[in-house]
Amino acid sequence: MSSKLLFPEDFILMGFTKYSRLDLPLFFALLISYTLTPLGNIAIILVSQLDSQLQSPMYFFLTNLSFLDLCFATTTVPQMLFNLGGSNKNITYIGCRVQAYVFHWLGCTECVLLGIMALDRYVAVCKPLRSSVIMDHKHCQQLSSSAWLIGLANSLLQSTLTVQLPLCGNQELDYLFCELPGLIKMACTDTTINEVTLAVVATFLIMGPLSMILVSYSCIAQAVFRIPSADRRLKAFNTCSSHLLVVSLFYGPGIYVYMQPSGDSPQDLTKALTLFYCVITPMANPFIYTLRNKDVKGALRRFLRSAILSKRI
């Protein structure tokens, strides 16, 4: 059988819904969300890098998260906007492969990074006298690099196994973009190995960092309740609650999509949850950290004041 029959030249992305009249409202909703995503994340990156009061491990990892979210949304949203804005719903086979590789890389990296951020909060709250030694700049860079390398290694494994599956001319991908579960479902051969590998590795990459998060915050909770000052307890609670909210927004939909047996979940629900963690979460994260963090709000005010004064001069 020729390669063109096994692997089509392009795919047809079925998108959000079969009702074309909803495409325009969805297009504008997605466009607004994607406009806010770079604004919020770039603002976090700038103030974290330029403000001397935010030169700590927490903001180093927050900068990584903001950059990651910016890349995460950019990998998928432009293609979705293109498909919603016109009659062409296609994506090339090469473009689909690249999107699958990059999206899976970034998603796995974020899983690990969120676990590392919980570990950093544990050190800051429970080991304050040793935090500058345990989480110095070199160790922070090593931890951040490890998250990116683990995500890349997993993407190379999972995506390579998936894109080699013969599709026998199947072109219709009933997903919002090229994601591994959807590509596996299109295959015209036994996909048990792919499904098991995806589920096992996803369980490890999701439950491993999630266990680290739960253990870290259990220790943090005990330490916070022992703090005599109510103001310090409130500050610690606000900082930790922001991270916990981000974890919930990302892990909740991801666990449902990647750890459900193939074909067991309604496709419309899967699409909604996928949209949530690849569009809504990257947009919401900067606002969650800004609205619940006095240091970031203060840094943003100083940054805006400085920008306004420089223009006047």
C-alpha atoms as a PDB file:
ATOM      1  CA  MET A   1       0.000   0.000   0.000  1.00  0.00           C
ATOM      2  CA  SER A   2       1.419   3.441  -0.956  1.00  0.00           C
ATOM      3  CA  SER A   3       2.371   6.023   1.652  1.00  0.00           C
ATOM      4  CA  LYS A   4      -0.371   8.380   0.379  1.00  0.00           C
ATOM      5  CA  LEU A   5      -3.006   5.805   1.246  1.00  0.00           C
ATOM      6  CA  LEU A   6      -1.492   5.128   4.651  1.00  0.00           C
ATOM      7  CA  PHE A   7      -0.744   8.795   5.454  1.00  0.00           C
ATOM      8  CA  PRO A   8      -2.926  11.533   3.884  1.00  0.00           C
ATOM      9  CA  GLU A   9      -1.408  14.807   2.695  1.00  0.00           C
ATOM     10  CA  ASP A  10      -3.646  16.796   5.027  1.00  0.00           C
ATOM     11  CA  PHE A  11      -6.290  16.430   7.719  1.00  0.00           C
ATOM     12  CA  ILE A  12      -9.754  17.916   8.085  1.00  0.00           C
ATOM     13  CA  LEU A  13     -10.220  19.272  11.606  1.00  0.00           C
ATOM     14  CA  MET A  14     -13.878  18.866  12.537  1.00  0.00           C
ATOM     15  CA  GLY A  15     -13.619  21.690  15.060  1.00  0.00           C
ATOM     16  CA  PHE A  16     -15.950  22.621  17.898  1.00  0.00           C
ATOM     17  CA  THR A  17     -19.366  21.819  16.524  1.00  0.00           C
ATOM     18  CA  LYS A  18     -21.193  20.704  13.397  1.00  0.00           C
ATOM     19  CA  TYR A  19     -23.342  23.854  13.519  1.00  0.00           C
ATOM     20  CA  SER A  20     -21.558  26.355  11.266  1.00  0.00           C
ATOM     21  CA  ARG A  21     -23.608  29.288  12.586  1.00  0.00           C
ATOM     22  CA  LEU A  22     -21.707  29.023  15.860  1.00  0.00           C
ATOM     23  CA  ASP A  23     -18.326  29.443  14.162  1.00  0.00           C
ATOM     24  CA  LEU A  24     -18.384  33.262  14.164  1.00  0.00           C
ATOM     25  CA  PRO A  25     -19.290  33.713  17.874  1.00  0.00           C
ATOM     26  CA  LEU A  26     -16.682  31.092  18.792  1.00  0.00           C
ATOM     27  CA  PHE A  27     -14.131  32.852  16.582  1.00  0.00           C
ATOM     28  CA  PHE A  28     -14.556  36.176  18.408  1.00  0.00           C
ATOM     29  CA  ALA A  29     -14.591  34.522  21.842  1.00  0.00           C
ATOM     30  CA  LEU A  30     -11.372  32.692  20.995  1.00  0.00           C
ATOM     31  CA  LEU A  31      -9.815  35.844  19.518  1.00  0.00           C
ATOM     32  CA  ILE A  32     -10.511  37.829  22.702  1.00  0.00           C
ATOM     33  CA  SER A  33      -9.073  35.052  24.851  1.00  0.00           C
ATOM     34  CA  TYR A  34      -5.963  34.782  22.709  1.00  0.00           C
ATOM     35  CA  THR A  35      -5.473  38.564  22.751  1.00  0.00           C
ATOM     36  CA  LEU A  36      -5.515  38.579  26.551  1.00  0.00           C
ATOM     37  CA  THR A  37      -3.110  35.622  26.813  1.00  0.00           C
ATOM     38  CA  PRO A  38       0.055  37.360  25.511  1.00  0.00           C
ATOM     39  CA  LEU A  39      -0.843  40.614  27.285  1.00  0.00           C
ATOM     40  CA  GLY A  40      -1.081  38.940  30.685  1.00  0.00           C
ATOM     41  CA  ASN A  41       1.846  36.556  30.317  1.00  0.00           C
ATOM     42  CA  ILE A  42       4.245  39.096  28.795  1.00  0.00           C
ATOM     43  CA  ALA A  43       3.371  41.516  31.606  1.00  0.00           C
ATOM     44  CA  ILE A  44       4.240  38.847  34.193  1.00  0.00           C
ATOM     45  CA  ILE A  45       7.547  38.085  32.424  1.00  0.00           C
ATOM     46  CA  LEU A  46       8.515  41.757  32.195  1.00  0.00           C
ATOM     47  CA  VAL A  47       7.777  42.711  35.800  1.00  0.00           C
ATOM     48  CA  SER A  48       9.425  39.529  37.114  1.00  0.00           C
ATOM     49  CA  GLN A  49      12.596  40.286  35.170  1.00  0.00           C
ATOM     50  CA  LEU A  50      12.748  44.063  35.654  1.00  0.00           C
ATOM     51  CA  ASP A  51      11.525  44.566  39.218  1.00  0.00           C
ATOM     52  CA  SER A  52      14.278  44.042  41.800  1.00  0.00           C
ATOM     53  CA  GLN A  53      11.712  43.065  44.454  1.00  0.00           C
ATOM     54  CA  LEU A  54      10.627  40.019  42.445  1.00  0.00           C
ATOM     55  CA  GLN A  55      14.045  38.380  42.099  1.00  0.00           C
ATOM     56  CA  SER A  56      13.163  35.184  43.975  1.00  0.00           C
ATOM     57  CA  PRO A  57      12.725  31.507  43.018  1.00  0.00           C
ATOM     58  CA  MET A  58       8.916  31.820  43.038  1.00  0.00           C
ATOM     59  CA  TYR A  59       8.969  34.508  40.352  1.00  0.00           C
ATOM     60  CA  PHE A  60      11.684  32.703  38.395  1.00  0.00           C
ATOM     61  CA  PHE A  61       9.339  29.707  38.055  1.00  0.00           C
ATOM     62  CA  LEU A  62       6.363  32.008  37.443  1.00  0.00           C
ATOM     63  CA  THR A  63       8.280  33.539  34.525  1.00  0.00           C
ATOM     64  CA  ASN A  64       8.855  30.044  33.159  1.00  0.00           C
ATOM     65  CA  LEU A  65       5.158  29.257  33.541  1.00  0.00           C
ATOM     66  CA  SER A  66       4.140  32.461  31.746  1.00  0.00           C
ATOM     67  CA  PHE A  67       6.496  31.758  28.842  1.00  0.00           C
ATOM     68  CA  LEU A  68       5.232  28.186  28.713  1.00  0.00           C
ATOM     69  CA  ASP A  69       1.581  29.301  28.656  1.00  0.00           C
ATOM     70  CA  LEU A  70       2.338  31.816  25.923  1.00  0.00           C
ATOM     71  CA  CYS A  71       3.878  29.084  23.744  1.00  0.00           C
ATOM     72  CA  PHE A  72       1.134  26.626  24.710  1.00  0.00           C
ATOM     73  CA  ALA A  73      -1.665  28.848  23.411  1.00  0.00           C
ATOM     74  CA  THR A  74       0.283  29.934  20.317  1.00  0.00           C
ATOM     75  CA  THR A  75       0.764  26.295  19.289  1.00  0.00           C
ATOM     76  CA  THR A  76      -2.962  25.688  18.851  1.00  0.00           C
ATOM     77  CA  VAL A  77      -5.090  28.849  18.889  1.00  0.00           C
ATOM     78  CA  PRO A  78      -3.962  30.433  15.560  1.00  0.00           C
ATOM     79  CA  GLN A  79      -4.886  27.216  13.737  1.00  0.00           C
ATOM     80  CA  MET A  80      -8.283  27.133  15.454  1.00  0.00           C
ATOM     81  CA  LEU A  81      -8.907  30.783  14.534  1.00  0.00           C
ATOM     82  CA  PHE A  82      -7.933  30.067  10.922  1.00  0.00           C
ATOM     83  CA  ASN A  83     -10.358  27.147  10.722  1.00  0.00           C
ATOM     84  CA  LEU A  84     -13.205  29.054  12.386  1.00  0.00           C
ATOM     85  CA  GLY A  85     -12.683  32.175  10.277  1.00  0.00           C
ATOM     86  CA  GLY A  86     -13.050  30.515   6.883  1.00  0.00           C
ATOM     87  CA  SER A  87     -14.353  27.522   5.013  1.00  0.00           C
ATOM     88  CA  ASN A  88     -10.962  25.764   4.924  1.00  0.00           C
ATOM     89  CA  LYS A  89     -10.746  23.346   7.866  1.00  0.00           C
ATOM     90  CA  ASN A  90      -7.579  21.593   6.711  1.00  0.00           C
ATOM     91  CA  ILE A  91      -4.141  21.279   8.248  1.00  0.00           C
ATOM     92  CA  THR A  92      -1.225  19.709   6.420  1.00  0.00           C
ATOM     93  CA  TYR A  93       0.091  16.344   7.555  1.00  0.00           C
ATOM     94  CA  ILE A  94       3.503  17.875   8.393  1.00  0.00           C
ATOM     95  CA  GLY A  95       1.840  20.765  10.220  1.00  0.00           C
ATOM     96  CA  CYS A  96      -0.246  18.299  12.202  1.00  0.00           C
ATOM     97  CA  ARG A  97       2.827  16.313  13.230  1.00  0.00           C
ATOM     98  CA  VAL A  98       4.690  19.435  14.347  1.00  0.00           C
ATOM     99  CA  GLN A  99       1.676  20.644  16.302  1.00  0.00           C
ATOM    100  CA  ALA A 100       1.304  17.280  18.045  1.00  0.00           C
ATOM    101  CA  TYR A 101       4.987  17.172  18.998  1.00  0.00           C
ATOM    102  CA  VAL A 102       5.130  20.741  20.326  1.00  0.00           C
ATOM    103  CA  PHE A 103       1.774  20.678  22.123  1.00  0.00           C
ATOM    104  CA  HIS A 104       2.603  17.434  23.908  1.00  0.00           C
ATOM    105  CA  TRP A 105       6.070  18.740  24.828  1.00  0.00           C
ATOM    106  CA  LEU A 106       4.671  21.927  26.366  1.00  0.00           C
ATOM    107  CA  GLY A 107       1.815  20.145  28.147  1.00  0.00           C
ATOM    108  CA  CYS A 108       4.138  17.604  29.790  1.00  0.00           C
ATOM    109  CA  THR A 109       6.574  20.346  30.745  1.00  0.00           C
ATOM    110  CA  GLU A 110       3.821  22.296  32.482  1.00  0.00           C
ATOM    111  CA  CYS A 111       2.810  19.217  34.483  1.00  0.00           C
ATOM    112  CA  VAL A 112       6.341  18.870  35.843  1.00  0.00           C
ATOM    113  CA  LEU A 113       6.849  22.615  36.333  1.00  0.00           C
ATOM    114  CA  LEU A 114       3.709  22.946  38.469  1.00  0.00           C
ATOM    115  CA  GLY A 115       5.072  20.193  40.719  1.00  0.00           C
ATOM    116  CA  ILE A 116       8.420  22.003  41.008  1.00  0.00           C
ATOM    117  CA  MET A 117       6.620  25.235  41.912  1.00  0.00           C
ATOM    118  CA  ALA A 118       4.874  23.422  44.778  1.00  0.00           C
ATOM    119  CA  LEU A 119       8.268  22.158  45.969  1.00  0.00           C
ATOM    120  CA  ASP A 120       9.575  25.726  45.897  1.00  0.00           C
ATOM    121  CA  ARG A 121       6.612  26.900  48.022  1.00  0.00           C
ATOM    122  CA  TYR A 122       7.336  24.083  50.503  1.00  0.00           C
ATOM    123  CA  VAL A 123      10.964  25.163  50.853  1.00  0.00           C
ATOM    124  CA  ALA A 124      10.009  28.844  51.219  1.00  0.00           C
ATOM    125  CA  VAL A 125       7.397  28.194  53.931  1.00  0.00           C
ATOM    126  CA  CYS A 126       8.797  25.165  55.775  1.00  0.00           C
ATOM    127  CA  LYS A 127      12.545  25.754  55.366  1.00  0.00           C
ATOM    128  CA  PRO A 128      12.818  29.568  55.314  1.00  0.00           C
ATOM    129  CA  LEU A 129      16.324  29.725  56.835  1.00  0.00           C
ATOM    130  CA  ARG A 130      17.748  27.356  54.202  1.00  0.00           C
ATOM    131  CA  SER A 131      15.616  28.396  51.237  1.00  0.00           C
ATOM    132  CA  SER A 132      18.292  30.670  49.733  1.00  0.00           C
ATOM    133  CA  VAL A 133      20.716  27.713  49.695  1.00  0.00           C
ATOM    134  CA  ILE A 134      18.280  24.991  48.597  1.00  0.00           C
ATOM    135  CA  MET A 135      16.666  27.144  45.904  1.00  0.00           C
ATOM    136  CA  ASP A 136      19.580  29.233  44.679  1.00  0.00           C
ATOM    137  CA  HIS A 137      19.645  30.422  41.064  1.00  0.00           C
ATOM    138  CA  LYS A 138      21.699  27.451  39.852  1.00  0.00           C
ATOM    139  CA  HIS A 139      19.308  24.889  41.362  1.00  0.00           C
ATOM    140  CA  CYS A 140      16.293  26.778  39.992  1.00  0.00           C
ATOM    141  CA  GLN A 141      17.779  26.674  36.495  1.00  0.00           C
ATOM    142  CA  GLN A 142      18.502  22.969  36.840  1.00  0.00           C
ATOM    143  CA  LEU A 143      14.955  22.216  37.988  1.00  0.00           C
ATOM    144  CA  SER A 144      13.454  24.314  35.199  1.00  0.00           C
ATOM    145  CA  SER A 145      15.690  22.673  32.575  1.00  0.00           C
ATOM    146  CA  SER A 146      14.729  19.239  33.911  1.00  0.00           C
ATOM    147  CA  ALA A 147      11.027  20.045  33.418  1.00  0.00           C
ATOM    148  CA  TRP A 148      11.625  21.071  29.785  1.00  0.00           C
ATOM    149  CA  LEU A 149      13.811  18.022  29.066  1.00  0.00           C
ATOM    150  CA  ILE A 150      11.347  15.557  30.639  1.00  0.00           C
ATOM    151  CA  GLY A 151       8.544  17.076  28.565  1.00  0.00           C
ATOM    152  CA  LEU A 152      10.633  16.878  25.391  1.00  0.00           C
ATOM    153  CA  ALA A 153      11.654  13.259  25.999  1.00  0.00           C
ATOM    154  CA  ASN A 154       8.062  12.201  26.589  1.00  0.00           C
ATOM    155  CA  SER A 155       6.851  14.070  23.507  1.00  0.00           C
ATOM    156  CA  LEU A 156       9.484  12.444  21.309  1.00  0.00           C
ATOM    157  CA  LEU A 157       8.436   9.011  22.581  1.00  0.00           C
ATOM    158  CA  GLN A 158       4.658   9.405  22.493  1.00  0.00           C
ATOM    159  CA  SER A 159       4.350  11.508  19.349  1.00  0.00           C
ATOM    160  CA  THR A 160       6.765   9.348  17.369  1.00  0.00           C
ATOM    161  CA  LEU A 161       4.821   6.197  18.276  1.00  0.00           C
ATOM    162  CA  THR A 162       1.564   7.922  17.269  1.00  0.00           C
ATOM    163  CA  VAL A 163       2.548   9.482  13.935  1.00  0.00           C
ATOM    164  CA  GLN A 164       3.835   6.125  12.681  1.00  0.00           C
ATOM    165  CA  LEU A 165       0.357   4.576  12.913  1.00  0.00           C
ATOM    166  CA  PRO A 166      -1.147   3.902   9.454  1.00  0.00           C
ATOM    167  CA  LEU A 167      -4.306   5.927   8.808  1.00  0.00           C
ATOM    168  CA  CYS A 168      -5.386   4.211   5.573  1.00  0.00           C
ATOM    169  CA  GLY A 169      -6.525   7.480   4.049  1.00  0.00           C
ATOM    170  CA  ASN A 170      -8.560   8.657   7.041  1.00  0.00           C
ATOM    171  CA  GLN A 171      -8.578  12.460   6.994  1.00  0.00           C
ATOM    172  CA  GLU A 172     -11.295  13.579   9.394  1.00  0.00           C
ATOM    173  CA  LEU A 173      -9.900  14.389  12.834  1.00  0.00           C
ATOM    174  CA  ASP A 174     -12.763  15.014  15.249  1.00  0.00           C
ATOM    175  CA  TYR A 175     -10.666  17.248  17.489  1.00  0.00           C
ATOM    176  CA  LEU A 176      -9.924  20.971  17.753  1.00  0.00           C
ATOM    177  CA  PHE A 177      -6.305  20.480  16.702  1.00  0.00           C
ATOM    178  CA  CYS A 178      -3.784  17.658  16.281  1.00  0.00           C
ATOM    179  CA  GLU A 179      -3.716  15.965  19.667  1.00  0.00           C
ATOM    180  CA  LEU A 180      -2.421  12.465  20.324  1.00  0.00           C
ATOM    181  CA  PRO A 181      -5.684  10.820  21.554  1.00  0.00           C
ATOM    182  CA  GLY A 182      -7.450  11.973  18.375  1.00  0.00           C
ATOM    183  CA  LEU A 183      -4.670  10.769  16.079  1.00  0.00           C
ATOM    184  CA  ILE A 184      -4.631   7.373  17.793  1.00  0.00           C
ATOM    185  CA  LYS A 185      -8.390   6.988  17.202  1.00  0.00           C
ATOM    186  CA  MET A 186      -7.888   7.597  13.463  1.00  0.00           C
ATOM    187  CA  ALA A 187      -5.518   4.659  13.012  1.00  0.00           C
ATOM    188  CA  CYS A 188      -6.644   1.644  10.983  1.00  0.00           C
ATOM    189  CA  THR A 189      -4.598  -0.847  12.989  1.00  0.00           C
ATOM    190  CA  ASP A 190      -4.428  -2.167  16.534  1.00  0.00           C
ATOM    191  CA  THR A 191      -3.563   0.769  18.800  1.00  0.00           C
ATOM    192  CA  THR A 192      -3.469  -1.069  22.132  1.00  0.00           C
ATOM    193  CA  ILE A 193       0.260  -0.431  22.625  1.00  0.00           C
ATOM    194  CA  ASN A 194      -0.167   3.292  21.899  1.00  0.00           C
ATOM    195  CA  GLU A 195      -3.154   3.637  24.200  1.00  0.00           C
ATOM    196  CA  VAL A 196      -1.496   1.754  27.045  1.00  0.00           C
ATOM    197  CA  THR A 197       1.767   3.680  26.645  1.00  0.00           C
ATOM    198  CA  LEU A 198      -0.069   7.009  26.566  1.00  0.00           C
ATOM    199  CA  ALA A 199      -2.130   6.118  29.654  1.00  0.00           C
ATOM    200  CA  VAL A 200       0.839   4.781  31.646  1.00  0.00           C
ATOM    201  CA  VAL A 201       3.156   7.694  30.878  1.00  0.00           C
ATOM    202  CA  ALA A 202       0.329  10.216  31.369  1.00  0.00           C
ATOM    203  CA  THR A 203      -0.418   8.646  34.751  1.00  0.00           C
ATOM    204  CA  PHE A 204       3.244   8.933  35.732  1.00  0.00           C
ATOM    205  CA  LEU A 205       3.633  12.519  34.498  1.00  0.00           C
ATOM    206  CA  ILE A 206       0.332  13.667  36.000  1.00  0.00           C
ATOM    207  CA  MET A 207       0.188  11.708  39.242  1.00  0.00           C
ATOM    208  CA  GLY A 208       3.916  12.100  40.011  1.00  0.00           C
ATOM    209  CA  PRO A 209       3.908  15.931  40.137  1.00  0.00           C
ATOM    210  CA  LEU A 210       0.379  15.915  41.578  1.00  0.00           C
ATOM    211  CA  SER A 211       1.556  13.720  44.464  1.00  0.00           C
ATOM    212  CA  MET A 212       4.458  16.134  44.993  1.00  0.00           C
ATOM    213  CA  ILE A 213       1.959  19.013  45.080  1.00  0.00           C
ATOM    214  CA  LEU A 214      -0.344  17.300  47.581  1.00  0.00           C
ATOM    215  CA  VAL A 215       2.502  16.291  49.914  1.00  0.00           C
ATOM    216  CA  SER A 216       4.095  19.759  49.698  1.00  0.00           C
ATOM    217  CA  TYR A 217       0.856  21.542  50.533  1.00  0.00           C
ATOM    218  CA  SER A 218       0.052  19.154  53.366  1.00  0.00           C
ATOM    219  CA  CYS A 219       3.357  20.165  54.974  1.00  0.00           C
ATOM    220  CA  ILE A 220       2.748  23.824  54.105  1.00  0.00           C
ATOM    221  CA  ALA A 221      -0.695  23.771  55.731  1.00  0.00           C
ATOM    222  CA  GLN A 222       0.766  22.437  58.969  1.00  0.00           C
ATOM    223  CA  ALA A 223       3.492  25.103  58.918  1.00  0.00           C
ATOM    224  CA  VAL A 224       1.078  27.956  58.107  1.00  0.00           C
ATOM    225  CA  PHE A 225      -1.235  27.131  61.009  1.00  0.00           C
ATOM    226  CA  ARG A 226       1.759  27.391  63.349  1.00  0.00           C
ATOM    227  CA  ILE A 227       2.605  30.954  62.208  1.00  0.00           C
ATOM    228  CA  PRO A 228       1.646  33.341  65.038  1.00  0.00           C
ATOM    229  CA  SER A 229       1.090  36.398  62.835  1.00  0.00           C
ATOM    230  CA  ALA A 230      -2.309  36.563  61.113  1.00  0.00           C
ATOM    231  CA  ASP A 231      -0.905  38.799  58.338  1.00  0.00           C
ATOM    232  CA  ARG A 232       1.889  36.343  57.569  1.00  0.00           C
ATOM    233  CA  ARG A 233      -0.581  33.441  57.553  1.00  0.00           C
ATOM    234  CA  LEU A 234      -2.809  35.337  55.117  1.00  0.00           C
ATOM    235  CA  LYS A 235       0.126  36.183  52.821  1.00  0.00           C
ATOM    236  CA  ALA A 236       1.280  32.563  52.765  1.00  0.00           C
ATOM    237  CA  PHE A 237      -2.275  31.386  52.125  1.00  0.00           C
ATOM    238  CA  ASN A 238      -2.803  33.831  49.226  1.00  0.00           C
ATOM    239  CA  THR A 239       0.463  32.838  47.552  1.00  0.00           C
ATOM    240  CA  CYS A 240      -0.238  29.127  47.871  1.00  0.00           C
ATOM    241  CA  SER A 241      -3.920  29.386  46.926  1.00  0.00           C
ATOM    242  CA  SER A 242      -3.002  31.058  43.612  1.00  0.00           C
ATOM    243  CA  HIS A 243      -0.803  28.120  42.686  1.00  0.00           C
ATOM    244  CA  LEU A 244      -3.410  25.585  43.830  1.00  0.00           C
ATOM    245  CA  LEU A 245      -6.054  27.266  41.661  1.00  0.00           C
ATOM    246  CA  VAL A 246      -3.730  27.132  38.628  1.00  0.00           C
ATOM    247  CA  VAL A 247      -3.028  23.454  39.351  1.00  0.00           C
ATOM    248  CA  SER A 248      -6.760  22.688  39.517  1.00  0.00           C
ATOM    249  CA  LEU A 249      -7.494  24.471  36.226  1.00  0.00           C
ATOM    250  CA  PHE A 250      -4.734  22.593  34.407  1.00  0.00           C
ATOM    251  CA  TYR A 251      -4.752  19.147  35.995  1.00  0.00           C
ATOM    252  CA  GLY A 252      -8.517  18.645  36.230  1.00  0.00           C
ATOM    253  CA  PRO A 253      -9.268  18.667  32.469  1.00  0.00           C
ATOM    254  CA  GLY A 254      -5.919  16.997  31.654  1.00  0.00           C
ATOM    255  CA  ILE A 255      -6.644  14.028  33.923  1.00  0.00           C
ATOM    256  CA  TYR A 256     -10.053  13.518  32.313  1.00  0.00           C
ATOM    257  CA  VAL A 257      -8.794  13.744  28.709  1.00  0.00           C
ATOM    258  CA  TYR A 258      -5.592  11.689  29.018  1.00  0.00           C
ATOM    259  CA  MET A 259      -6.448   9.130  31.686  1.00  0.00           C
ATOM    260  CA  GLN A 260      -9.862   8.039  30.407  1.00  0.00           C
ATOM    261  CA  PRO A 261      -9.986   4.772  28.440  1.00  0.00           C
ATOM    262  CA  SER A 262     -10.241   5.381  24.710  1.00  0.00           C
ATOM    263  CA  GLY A 263     -13.779   6.082  23.553  1.00  0.00           C
ATOM    264  CA  ASP A 264     -15.255   6.210  27.066  1.00  0.00           C
ATOM    265  CA  SER A 265     -15.760   9.986  27.209  1.00  0.00           C
ATOM    266  CA  PRO A 266     -18.288  12.055  25.183  1.00  0.00           C
ATOM    267  CA  GLN A 267     -16.489  13.857  22.369  1.00  0.00           C
ATOM    268  CA  ASP A 268     -18.191  17.217  23.036  1.00  0.00           C
ATOM    269  CA  LEU A 269     -17.066  17.130  26.659  1.00  0.00           C
ATOM    270  CA  THR A 270     -13.534  16.187  25.619  1.00  0.00           C
ATOM    271  CA  LYS A 271     -13.429  19.153  23.228  1.00  0.00           C
ATOM    272  CA  ALA A 272     -14.691  21.538  25.910  1.00  0.00           C
ATOM    273  CA  LEU A 273     -12.092  20.358  28.428  1.00  0.00           C
ATOM    274  CA  THR A 274      -9.327  20.479  25.818  1.00  0.00           C
ATOM    275  CA  LEU A 275     -10.318  24.054  24.996  1.00  0.00           C
ATOM    276  CA  PHE A 276     -10.218  24.836  28.706  1.00  0.00           C
ATOM    277  CA  TYR A 277      -6.640  23.768  29.389  1.00  0.00           C
ATOM    278  CA  CYS A 278      -5.126  24.977  26.112  1.00  0.00           C
ATOM    279  CA  VAL A 279      -6.926  28.369  25.895  1.00  0.00           C
ATOM    280  CA  ILE A 280      -8.641  29.378  29.134  1.00  0.00           C
ATOM    281  CA  THR A 281      -5.907  28.295  31.561  1.00  0.00           C
ATOM    282  CA  PRO A 282      -3.014  30.131  29.786  1.00  0.00           C
ATOM    283  CA  MET A 283      -5.201  33.253  29.684  1.00  0.00           C
ATOM    284  CA  ALA A 284      -6.331  32.986  33.319  1.00  0.00           C
ATOM    285  CA  ASN A 285      -2.995  32.160  34.983  1.00  0.00           C
ATOM    286  CA  PRO A 286      -1.491  35.699  34.878  1.00  0.00           C
ATOM    287  CA  PHE A 287      -4.691  37.212  36.255  1.00  0.00           C
ATOM    288  CA  ILE A 288      -4.886  34.626  39.037  1.00  0.00           C
ATOM    289  CA  TYR A 289      -1.346  35.427  40.174  1.00  0.00           C
ATOM    290  CA  THR A 290      -1.842  39.186  39.726  1.00  0.00           C
ATOM    291  CA  LEU A 291      -5.180  39.546  41.511  1.00  0.00           C
ATOM    292  CA  ARG A 292      -4.140  37.403  44.472  1.00  0.00           C
ATOM    293  CA  ASN A 293      -0.553  38.632  44.898  1.00  0.00           C
ATOM    294  CA  LYS A 294       0.228  42.078  46.355  1.00  0.00           C
ATOM    295  CA  ASP A 295       3.874  41.903  45.260  1.00  0.00           C
ATOM    296  CA  VAL A 296       2.954  41.364  41.602  1.00  0.00           C
ATOM    297  CA  LYS A 297       0.265  44.072  41.709  1.00  0.00           C
ATOM    298  CA  GLY A 298       2.772  46.486  43.232  1.00  0.00           C
ATOM    299  CA  ALA A 299       5.375  45.604  40.599  1.00  0.00           C
ATOM    300  CA  LEU A 300       2.844  46.138  37.811  1.00  0.00           C
ATOM    301  CA  ARG A 301       1.920  49.556  39.218  1.00  0.00           C
ATOM    302  CA  ARG A 302       5.594  50.557  39.409  1.00  0.00           C
ATOM    303  CA  PHE A 303       6.193  49.275  35.878  1.00  0.00           C
ATOM    304  CA  LEU A 304       3.215  51.203  34.459  1.00  0.00           C
ATOM    305  CA  ARG A 305       4.164  54.357  36.385  1.00  0.00           C
ATOM    306  CA  SER A 306       7.704  54.152  35.048  1.00  0.00           C
ATOM    307  CA  ALA A 307       6.449  53.612  31.480  1.00  0.00           C
ATOM    308  CA  ILE A 308       4.097  56.617  31.702  1.00  0.00           C
ATOM    309  CA  LEU A 309       6.791  58.907  33.146  1.00  0.00           C
ATOM    310  CA  SER A 310       9.321  57.887  30.488  1.00  0.00           C
ATOM    311  CA  LYS A 311       6.808  58.802  27.759  1.00  0.00           C
ATOM    312  CA  ARG A 312       6.200  62.208  29.304  1.00  0.00           C
ATOM    313  CA  ILE A 313       9.916  62.908  29.421  1.00  0.00           C
END
